C-alpha cells in the first residue's frame, strides 16, 4: 500500500485571482468569516498571522465531522502566487506530512483558476488517503469565490 502521495484539483474561479491570493497571503484570519466549513481560527503562537514562525489553530468540518489542527505557512511565492501550508497536531496526527499547496493561475484570457495540491505521507497503511480534504477545499473555494465575486470586502 502507498503511504505517500499527492492529490491535485484545479478549479475555475469567477473572482480575480489576485484577490483570492491576497486573501490567503495577507488576510487569512478572515477566512472563517466567509467559509461555512471553517468554524474557528485563532493565532496559536506568534504575533502575526502571516509570519512563517506563527502557528494558527483551526476548527473545521470535513465529511460532516468537526476537526482541529494547527497550521503554519511554510512558503509564500508572491511571483507565482503560490502558498504552502503545513498542517500538524490535532486530527492530523495520522500523517507524518500533510501540506496544502494553493496556486493561483492567471490565464491568458483574463480568467483565473486555483490549483490545490495535498501532499501527504501517512504514518501507516491503516490511515485513509485524505480524500475528504479535497472535497473540503473544493467547497471552501466555492464559498470564498462567491464572497469575493459579490465585491464585498473580506473584512466583515
N, C-alpha and C. Protein backbone atom coordinates (compact mmCIF):
# COMPACT_ATOMS: atom_id res chain seq x y z
N UNK A 1 0.83 -1.18 0.00
CA UNK A 1 0.00 0.00 0.00
C UNK A 1 0.88 1.25 0.00
N UNK A 2 0.43 2.27 -0.69
CA UNK A 2 1.16 3.52 -0.81
C UNK A 2 0.95 4.36 0.46
N UNK A 3 2.05 4.83 1.04
CA UNK A 3 1.96 5.66 2.24
C UNK A 3 2.05 7.15 1.94
N UNK A 4 2.58 7.51 0.78
CA UNK A 4 2.74 8.92 0.44
C UNK A 4 2.15 9.18 -0.93
N UNK A 5 1.71 10.42 -1.12
CA UNK A 5 1.15 10.77 -2.42
C UNK A 5 0.75 12.22 -2.49
N UNK A 6 0.13 12.54 -3.64
CA UNK A 6 -0.38 13.89 -3.86
C UNK A 6 -1.76 13.78 -4.47
N UNK A 7 -2.65 14.63 -4.02
CA UNK A 7 -3.97 14.80 -4.62
C UNK A 7 -4.00 16.21 -5.19
N UNK A 8 -4.48 16.35 -6.43
CA UNK A 8 -4.47 17.66 -7.08
C UNK A 8 -5.82 17.90 -7.74
N UNK A 9 -6.32 19.13 -7.58
CA UNK A 9 -7.52 19.56 -8.30
C UNK A 9 -7.32 20.98 -8.77
N UNK A 10 -7.89 21.30 -9.91
CA UNK A 10 -7.86 22.66 -10.43
C UNK A 10 -9.29 23.13 -10.60
N UNK A 11 -9.60 24.27 -10.03
CA UNK A 11 -10.96 24.81 -10.03
C UNK A 11 -10.98 26.20 -10.65
N UNK A 12 -11.83 26.41 -11.63
CA UNK A 12 -12.01 27.74 -12.18
C UNK A 12 -12.70 28.61 -11.15
N UNK A 13 -12.31 29.88 -11.08
CA UNK A 13 -12.95 30.81 -10.16
C UNK A 13 -13.45 32.02 -10.96
N UNK A 14 -14.46 32.67 -10.43
CA UNK A 14 -15.03 33.85 -11.08
C UNK A 14 -14.41 35.14 -10.58
N UNK A 15 -13.89 35.12 -9.37
CA UNK A 15 -13.27 36.32 -8.81
C UNK A 15 -11.86 36.48 -9.38
N UNK A 16 -11.32 37.70 -9.31
CA UNK A 16 -9.94 37.90 -9.78
C UNK A 16 -8.95 37.07 -8.96
N UNK A 17 -8.04 36.41 -9.64
CA UNK A 17 -7.06 35.57 -8.97
C UNK A 17 -6.22 36.32 -7.96
N UNK A 18 -5.90 37.57 -8.28
CA UNK A 18 -5.10 38.39 -7.37
C UNK A 18 -5.82 38.59 -6.03
N UNK A 19 -7.13 38.77 -6.10
CA UNK A 19 -7.94 38.96 -4.89
C UNK A 19 -7.92 37.68 -4.03
N UNK A 20 -8.05 36.54 -4.69
CA UNK A 20 -8.04 35.26 -3.98
C UNK A 20 -6.69 35.05 -3.31
N UNK A 21 -5.62 35.30 -4.04
CA UNK A 21 -4.28 35.13 -3.48
C UNK A 21 -4.07 36.06 -2.29
N UNK A 22 -4.51 37.32 -2.42
CA UNK A 22 -4.35 38.29 -1.33
C UNK A 22 -5.04 37.80 -0.06
N UNK A 23 -6.22 37.22 -0.21
CA UNK A 23 -6.94 36.71 0.96
C UNK A 23 -6.09 35.70 1.72
N UNK A 24 -5.49 34.75 1.00
CA UNK A 24 -4.70 33.71 1.65
C UNK A 24 -3.31 34.19 2.07
N UNK A 25 -2.77 35.17 1.36
CA UNK A 25 -1.43 35.66 1.66
C UNK A 25 -1.40 36.68 2.78
N UNK A 26 -2.47 37.51 2.91
CA UNK A 26 -2.40 38.57 3.91
C UNK A 26 -3.67 38.80 4.72
N UNK A 27 -4.73 38.02 4.44
CA UNK A 27 -5.98 38.17 5.19
C UNK A 27 -6.54 36.83 5.64
N UNK A 28 -5.68 35.86 5.86
CA UNK A 28 -6.10 34.50 6.20
C UNK A 28 -6.99 34.46 7.44
N UNK A 29 -6.78 35.38 8.36
CA UNK A 29 -7.58 35.43 9.58
C UNK A 29 -9.06 35.72 9.30
N UNK A 30 -9.40 36.13 8.09
CA UNK A 30 -10.79 36.43 7.74
C UNK A 30 -11.53 35.25 7.10
N UNK A 31 -10.82 34.18 6.75
CA UNK A 31 -11.43 33.06 6.01
C UNK A 31 -12.62 32.46 6.75
N UNK A 32 -12.51 32.33 8.07
CA UNK A 32 -13.62 31.71 8.81
C UNK A 32 -14.91 32.53 8.75
N UNK A 33 -14.81 33.81 8.39
CA UNK A 33 -16.00 34.65 8.29
C UNK A 33 -16.75 34.46 6.97
N UNK A 34 -16.10 33.89 5.97
CA UNK A 34 -16.73 33.75 4.65
C UNK A 34 -16.86 32.30 4.20
N UNK A 35 -16.45 31.37 5.03
CA UNK A 35 -16.46 29.96 4.65
C UNK A 35 -17.17 29.14 5.72
N UNK A 36 -18.30 28.54 5.38
CA UNK A 36 -19.10 27.85 6.38
C UNK A 36 -18.43 26.60 6.96
N UNK A 37 -17.44 26.03 6.28
CA UNK A 37 -16.78 24.82 6.76
C UNK A 37 -15.68 25.12 7.79
N UNK A 38 -15.31 26.39 7.89
CA UNK A 38 -14.32 26.80 8.88
C UNK A 38 -15.09 27.43 10.03
N UNK A 39 -15.04 26.79 11.18
CA UNK A 39 -15.80 27.26 12.33
C UNK A 39 -15.05 28.29 13.17
N UNK A 40 -13.75 28.10 13.28
CA UNK A 40 -12.99 28.99 14.15
C UNK A 40 -11.53 28.97 13.72
N UNK A 41 -10.89 30.11 13.88
CA UNK A 41 -9.46 30.22 13.61
C UNK A 41 -8.87 31.21 14.61
N UNK A 42 -7.72 30.86 15.15
CA UNK A 42 -7.06 31.78 16.08
C UNK A 42 -5.55 31.63 15.97
N UNK A 43 -4.87 32.70 16.30
CA UNK A 43 -3.43 32.68 16.34
C UNK A 43 -3.01 31.92 17.58
N UNK A 44 -2.29 30.84 17.40
CA UNK A 44 -1.90 29.96 18.50
C UNK A 44 -0.52 30.35 19.06
N UNK A 45 0.41 30.63 18.16
CA UNK A 45 1.76 31.06 18.55
C UNK A 45 2.22 32.13 17.58
N UNK A 46 2.92 33.13 18.10
CA UNK A 46 3.45 34.20 17.26
C UNK A 46 2.61 35.45 17.37
N UNK A 47 3.09 36.49 16.70
CA UNK A 47 2.43 37.80 16.79
C UNK A 47 1.73 38.20 15.50
N UNK A 48 1.98 37.49 14.41
CA UNK A 48 1.46 37.88 13.10
C UNK A 48 0.93 36.65 12.39
N UNK A 49 -0.28 36.76 11.85
CA UNK A 49 -0.91 35.63 11.16
C UNK A 49 -0.11 35.15 9.96
N UNK A 50 0.69 36.01 9.38
CA UNK A 50 1.31 35.66 8.11
C UNK A 50 2.82 35.52 8.18
N UNK A 51 3.35 35.43 9.37
CA UNK A 51 4.77 35.19 9.54
C UNK A 51 5.00 33.68 9.54
N UNK A 52 6.09 33.24 8.91
CA UNK A 52 6.36 31.80 8.80
C UNK A 52 6.51 31.10 10.15
N UNK A 53 6.87 31.83 11.19
CA UNK A 53 7.03 31.22 12.51
C UNK A 53 5.72 31.13 13.28
N UNK A 54 4.69 31.79 12.80
CA UNK A 54 3.40 31.79 13.50
C UNK A 54 2.65 30.48 13.28
N UNK A 55 1.92 30.07 14.31
CA UNK A 55 1.10 28.86 14.23
C UNK A 55 -0.34 29.25 14.49
N UNK A 56 -1.22 28.82 13.59
CA UNK A 56 -2.65 29.07 13.74
C UNK A 56 -3.35 27.78 14.12
N UNK A 57 -4.42 27.91 14.89
CA UNK A 57 -5.24 26.75 15.27
C UNK A 57 -6.59 26.89 14.56
N UNK A 58 -6.99 25.83 13.86
CA UNK A 58 -8.21 25.84 13.06
C UNK A 58 -9.20 24.79 13.56
N UNK A 59 -10.48 25.14 13.51
CA UNK A 59 -11.58 24.21 13.75
C UNK A 59 -12.42 24.23 12.48
N UNK A 60 -12.67 23.07 11.89
CA UNK A 60 -13.30 22.99 10.58
C UNK A 60 -14.10 21.69 10.47
N UNK A 61 -14.90 21.59 9.41
CA UNK A 61 -15.75 20.41 9.21
C UNK A 61 -15.36 19.71 7.90
N UNK A 62 -15.06 18.42 8.02
CA UNK A 62 -14.81 17.56 6.85
C UNK A 62 -15.70 16.34 7.01
N UNK A 63 -16.41 16.01 5.94
CA UNK A 63 -17.31 14.85 5.94
C UNK A 63 -18.30 14.89 7.11
N UNK A 64 -18.79 16.09 7.45
CA UNK A 64 -19.78 16.23 8.49
C UNK A 64 -19.25 16.15 9.91
N UNK A 65 -17.94 16.01 10.08
CA UNK A 65 -17.34 15.90 11.42
C UNK A 65 -16.44 17.10 11.69
N UNK A 66 -16.48 17.58 12.94
CA UNK A 66 -15.63 18.70 13.35
C UNK A 66 -14.22 18.17 13.64
N UNK A 67 -13.24 18.87 13.09
CA UNK A 67 -11.83 18.52 13.26
C UNK A 67 -11.06 19.75 13.70
N UNK A 68 -9.85 19.53 14.20
CA UNK A 68 -8.95 20.61 14.56
C UNK A 68 -7.54 20.28 14.08
N UNK A 69 -6.77 21.31 13.84
CA UNK A 69 -5.35 21.13 13.55
C UNK A 69 -4.65 22.46 13.71
N UNK A 70 -3.35 22.41 13.68
CA UNK A 70 -2.52 23.61 13.66
C UNK A 70 -1.98 23.77 12.25
N UNK A 71 -1.69 25.00 11.90
CA UNK A 71 -1.19 25.29 10.55
C UNK A 71 -0.10 26.33 10.63
N UNK A 72 0.88 26.18 9.76
CA UNK A 72 1.98 27.12 9.67
C UNK A 72 2.27 27.36 8.19
N UNK A 73 2.48 28.61 7.81
CA UNK A 73 2.86 28.92 6.44
C UNK A 73 4.31 28.48 6.26
N UNK A 74 4.51 27.61 5.30
CA UNK A 74 5.86 27.12 5.04
C UNK A 74 6.57 27.97 3.99
N UNK A 75 5.80 28.40 2.97
CA UNK A 75 6.42 29.19 1.90
C UNK A 75 5.36 30.04 1.20
N UNK A 76 5.73 31.28 0.88
CA UNK A 76 4.89 32.15 0.06
C UNK A 76 5.72 32.59 -1.13
N UNK A 77 5.24 32.28 -2.32
CA UNK A 77 5.89 32.67 -3.57
C UNK A 77 4.98 33.69 -4.23
N UNK A 78 5.23 34.97 -3.95
CA UNK A 78 4.39 36.06 -4.46
C UNK A 78 4.37 36.08 -5.98
N UNK A 79 5.51 35.88 -6.60
CA UNK A 79 5.62 35.97 -8.05
C UNK A 79 4.75 34.93 -8.74
N UNK A 80 4.77 33.69 -8.25
CA UNK A 80 3.99 32.61 -8.85
C UNK A 80 2.64 32.40 -8.18
N UNK A 81 2.31 33.27 -7.23
CA UNK A 81 1.04 33.20 -6.50
C UNK A 81 0.80 31.80 -5.93
N UNK A 82 1.76 31.37 -5.14
CA UNK A 82 1.72 30.01 -4.57
C UNK A 82 2.06 30.08 -3.08
N UNK A 83 1.23 29.39 -2.27
CA UNK A 83 1.45 29.34 -0.83
C UNK A 83 1.40 27.88 -0.38
N UNK A 84 2.37 27.50 0.46
CA UNK A 84 2.39 26.15 1.03
C UNK A 84 2.12 26.25 2.52
N UNK A 85 1.07 25.51 2.96
CA UNK A 85 0.69 25.46 4.37
C UNK A 85 1.02 24.08 4.92
N UNK A 86 1.68 24.03 6.06
CA UNK A 86 1.97 22.76 6.73
C UNK A 86 0.95 22.58 7.85
N UNK A 87 0.26 21.42 7.86
CA UNK A 87 -0.71 21.11 8.90
C UNK A 87 -0.13 20.07 9.84
N UNK A 88 -0.46 20.20 11.14
CA UNK A 88 0.07 19.26 12.13
C UNK A 88 -0.78 19.35 13.39
N UNK A 89 -0.58 18.41 14.29
CA UNK A 89 -1.30 18.41 15.55
C UNK A 89 -2.77 18.10 15.37
N UNK A 90 -3.51 18.10 16.45
CA UNK A 90 -4.95 17.84 16.38
C UNK A 90 -5.26 16.56 15.62
N UNK A 91 -6.15 16.67 14.65
CA UNK A 91 -6.59 15.49 13.89
C UNK A 91 -5.65 15.13 12.74
N UNK A 92 -4.49 15.74 12.69
CA UNK A 92 -3.51 15.45 11.64
C UNK A 92 -2.48 14.43 12.15
N UNK A 93 -2.70 13.90 13.33
CA UNK A 93 -1.72 13.01 13.97
C UNK A 93 -1.44 11.73 13.18
N UNK A 94 -2.33 11.34 12.27
CA UNK A 94 -2.12 10.12 11.49
C UNK A 94 -1.22 10.32 10.28
N UNK A 95 -0.72 11.53 10.10
CA UNK A 95 0.13 11.83 8.96
C UNK A 95 1.49 12.33 9.42
N UNK A 96 2.54 11.81 8.80
CA UNK A 96 3.88 12.35 9.03
C UNK A 96 3.98 13.72 8.39
N UNK A 97 3.35 13.84 7.21
CA UNK A 97 3.35 15.09 6.45
C UNK A 97 1.95 15.32 5.91
N UNK A 98 1.43 16.54 6.06
CA UNK A 98 0.20 16.94 5.39
C UNK A 98 0.35 18.42 5.06
N UNK A 99 0.51 18.69 3.76
CA UNK A 99 0.68 20.06 3.28
C UNK A 99 -0.42 20.38 2.29
N UNK A 100 -0.91 21.61 2.37
CA UNK A 100 -1.86 22.13 1.40
C UNK A 100 -1.12 23.20 0.60
N UNK A 101 -1.15 23.05 -0.71
CA UNK A 101 -0.47 24.00 -1.58
C UNK A 101 -1.52 24.68 -2.46
N UNK A 102 -1.60 25.99 -2.34
CA UNK A 102 -2.52 26.80 -3.12
C UNK A 102 -1.74 27.51 -4.22
N UNK A 103 -2.17 27.33 -5.46
CA UNK A 103 -1.58 28.06 -6.58
C UNK A 103 -2.69 28.78 -7.32
N UNK A 104 -2.55 30.08 -7.51
CA UNK A 104 -3.50 30.85 -8.30
C UNK A 104 -2.92 30.95 -9.71
N UNK A 105 -3.74 30.57 -10.67
CA UNK A 105 -3.31 30.55 -12.07
C UNK A 105 -4.10 31.64 -12.81
N UNK A 106 -3.37 32.62 -13.33
CA UNK A 106 -3.99 33.67 -14.13
C UNK A 106 -3.82 33.26 -15.59
N UNK A 107 -4.93 33.06 -16.27
CA UNK A 107 -4.88 32.57 -17.65
C UNK A 107 -4.78 33.74 -18.64
N UNK A 108 -4.33 33.43 -19.85
CA UNK A 108 -4.14 34.45 -20.89
C UNK A 108 -5.42 35.21 -21.22
N UNK A 109 -6.56 34.55 -21.09
CA UNK A 109 -7.83 35.20 -21.43
C UNK A 109 -8.39 36.05 -20.28
N UNK A 110 -7.62 36.19 -19.21
CA UNK A 110 -8.04 37.02 -18.09
C UNK A 110 -8.78 36.29 -16.98
N UNK A 111 -9.14 35.03 -17.22
CA UNK A 111 -9.80 34.26 -16.16
C UNK A 111 -8.75 33.68 -15.22
N UNK A 112 -9.22 33.17 -14.10
CA UNK A 112 -8.32 32.60 -13.10
C UNK A 112 -8.79 31.23 -12.67
N UNK A 113 -7.87 30.47 -12.13
CA UNK A 113 -8.17 29.15 -11.58
C UNK A 113 -7.31 28.96 -10.34
N UNK A 114 -7.74 28.03 -9.50
CA UNK A 114 -6.95 27.65 -8.33
C UNK A 114 -6.55 26.20 -8.49
N UNK A 115 -5.32 25.92 -8.16
CA UNK A 115 -4.87 24.54 -8.10
C UNK A 115 -4.54 24.25 -6.64
N UNK A 116 -5.26 23.29 -6.09
CA UNK A 116 -4.97 22.82 -4.74
C UNK A 116 -4.22 21.50 -4.86
N UNK A 117 -3.12 21.39 -4.14
CA UNK A 117 -2.38 20.14 -4.05
C UNK A 117 -2.31 19.75 -2.58
N UNK A 118 -2.64 18.51 -2.31
CA UNK A 118 -2.48 17.95 -0.96
C UNK A 118 -1.30 16.99 -1.04
N UNK A 119 -0.24 17.31 -0.37
CA UNK A 119 0.96 16.49 -0.33
C UNK A 119 0.95 15.79 1.03
N UNK A 120 0.96 14.47 1.04
CA UNK A 120 0.80 13.76 2.31
C UNK A 120 1.70 12.54 2.41
N UNK A 121 1.97 12.18 3.65
CA UNK A 121 2.62 10.91 3.97
C UNK A 121 1.93 10.38 5.22
N UNK A 122 1.34 9.19 5.09
CA UNK A 122 0.61 8.57 6.20
C UNK A 122 1.59 7.88 7.15
N UNK A 123 1.19 7.78 8.41
CA UNK A 123 2.03 7.07 9.40
C UNK A 123 2.09 5.58 9.14
N UNK A 124 0.98 5.02 8.65
CA UNK A 124 0.95 3.59 8.33
C UNK A 124 -0.15 3.33 7.31
N UNK A 125 -0.24 2.11 6.83
CA UNK A 125 -1.20 1.80 5.76
C UNK A 125 -2.65 1.72 6.23
N UNK A 126 -2.91 1.79 7.53
CA UNK A 126 -4.28 1.80 8.04
C UNK A 126 -4.92 3.19 8.00
N UNK A 127 -4.13 4.21 7.68
CA UNK A 127 -4.62 5.59 7.62
C UNK A 127 -5.22 5.83 6.24
N UNK A 128 -6.38 6.47 6.21
CA UNK A 128 -7.04 6.77 4.94
C UNK A 128 -6.30 7.85 4.17
N UNK A 129 -6.37 7.75 2.85
CA UNK A 129 -5.91 8.83 1.99
C UNK A 129 -6.79 10.04 2.27
N UNK A 130 -6.24 11.25 2.33
CA UNK A 130 -7.03 12.42 2.74
C UNK A 130 -7.99 12.95 1.66
N UNK A 131 -8.82 12.08 1.10
CA UNK A 131 -9.77 12.48 0.06
C UNK A 131 -10.79 13.50 0.56
N UNK A 132 -11.21 13.39 1.82
CA UNK A 132 -12.16 14.34 2.38
C UNK A 132 -11.63 15.76 2.34
N UNK A 133 -10.32 15.92 2.44
CA UNK A 133 -9.72 17.24 2.36
C UNK A 133 -9.96 17.88 0.99
N UNK A 134 -9.91 17.07 -0.06
CA UNK A 134 -10.11 17.63 -1.41
C UNK A 134 -11.52 18.17 -1.56
N UNK A 135 -12.51 17.45 -1.04
CA UNK A 135 -13.89 17.92 -1.07
C UNK A 135 -14.02 19.21 -0.24
N UNK A 136 -13.41 19.22 0.92
CA UNK A 136 -13.41 20.39 1.80
C UNK A 136 -12.82 21.61 1.08
N UNK A 137 -11.68 21.43 0.43
CA UNK A 137 -11.04 22.54 -0.27
C UNK A 137 -11.88 23.03 -1.45
N UNK A 138 -12.48 22.10 -2.17
CA UNK A 138 -13.33 22.47 -3.31
C UNK A 138 -14.54 23.28 -2.86
N UNK A 139 -15.22 22.82 -1.84
CA UNK A 139 -16.40 23.53 -1.34
C UNK A 139 -16.03 24.86 -0.69
N UNK A 140 -14.92 24.89 0.02
CA UNK A 140 -14.46 26.14 0.63
C UNK A 140 -14.08 27.16 -0.43
N UNK A 141 -13.46 26.68 -1.51
CA UNK A 141 -13.11 27.56 -2.62
C UNK A 141 -14.36 28.20 -3.21
N UNK A 142 -15.41 27.43 -3.37
CA UNK A 142 -16.68 27.96 -3.90
C UNK A 142 -17.27 29.02 -2.96
N UNK A 143 -17.23 28.75 -1.65
CA UNK A 143 -17.74 29.74 -0.68
C UNK A 143 -16.97 31.06 -0.79
N UNK A 144 -15.66 30.95 -0.79
CA UNK A 144 -14.81 32.14 -0.81
C UNK A 144 -14.96 32.87 -2.14
N UNK A 145 -14.97 32.13 -3.23
CA UNK A 145 -15.12 32.74 -4.56
C UNK A 145 -16.45 33.50 -4.65
N UNK A 146 -17.52 32.90 -4.16
CA UNK A 146 -18.82 33.56 -4.16
C UNK A 146 -18.79 34.86 -3.39
N UNK A 147 -18.11 34.85 -2.27
CA UNK A 147 -17.99 36.06 -1.46
C UNK A 147 -17.19 37.14 -2.19
N UNK A 148 -16.08 36.75 -2.80
CA UNK A 148 -15.24 37.72 -3.49
C UNK A 148 -15.91 38.26 -4.75
N UNK A 149 -16.70 37.45 -5.43
CA UNK A 149 -17.40 37.89 -6.63
C UNK A 149 -18.41 38.98 -6.30
N UNK A 150 -19.03 38.89 -5.15
CA UNK A 150 -20.01 39.90 -4.74
C UNK A 150 -19.37 41.27 -4.56
N UNK A 151 -18.03 41.28 -4.54
CA UNK A 151 -17.33 42.55 -4.40
C UNK A 151 -17.29 43.05 -2.97
N UNK A 152 -17.68 42.19 -2.04
CA UNK A 152 -17.67 42.59 -0.64
C UNK A 152 -16.23 42.63 -0.16
N UNK A 153 -15.97 43.50 0.77
CA UNK A 153 -14.66 43.49 1.42
C UNK A 153 -14.58 42.25 2.26
N UNK A 154 -13.37 41.71 2.36
CA UNK A 154 -13.19 40.50 3.16
C UNK A 154 -13.42 40.80 4.63
N UNK A 155 -13.00 41.95 5.10
CA UNK A 155 -13.19 42.29 6.49
C UNK A 155 -14.68 42.55 6.71
N UNK A 156 -15.29 41.78 7.60
CA UNK A 156 -16.71 41.89 7.86
C UNK A 156 -16.99 42.63 9.15
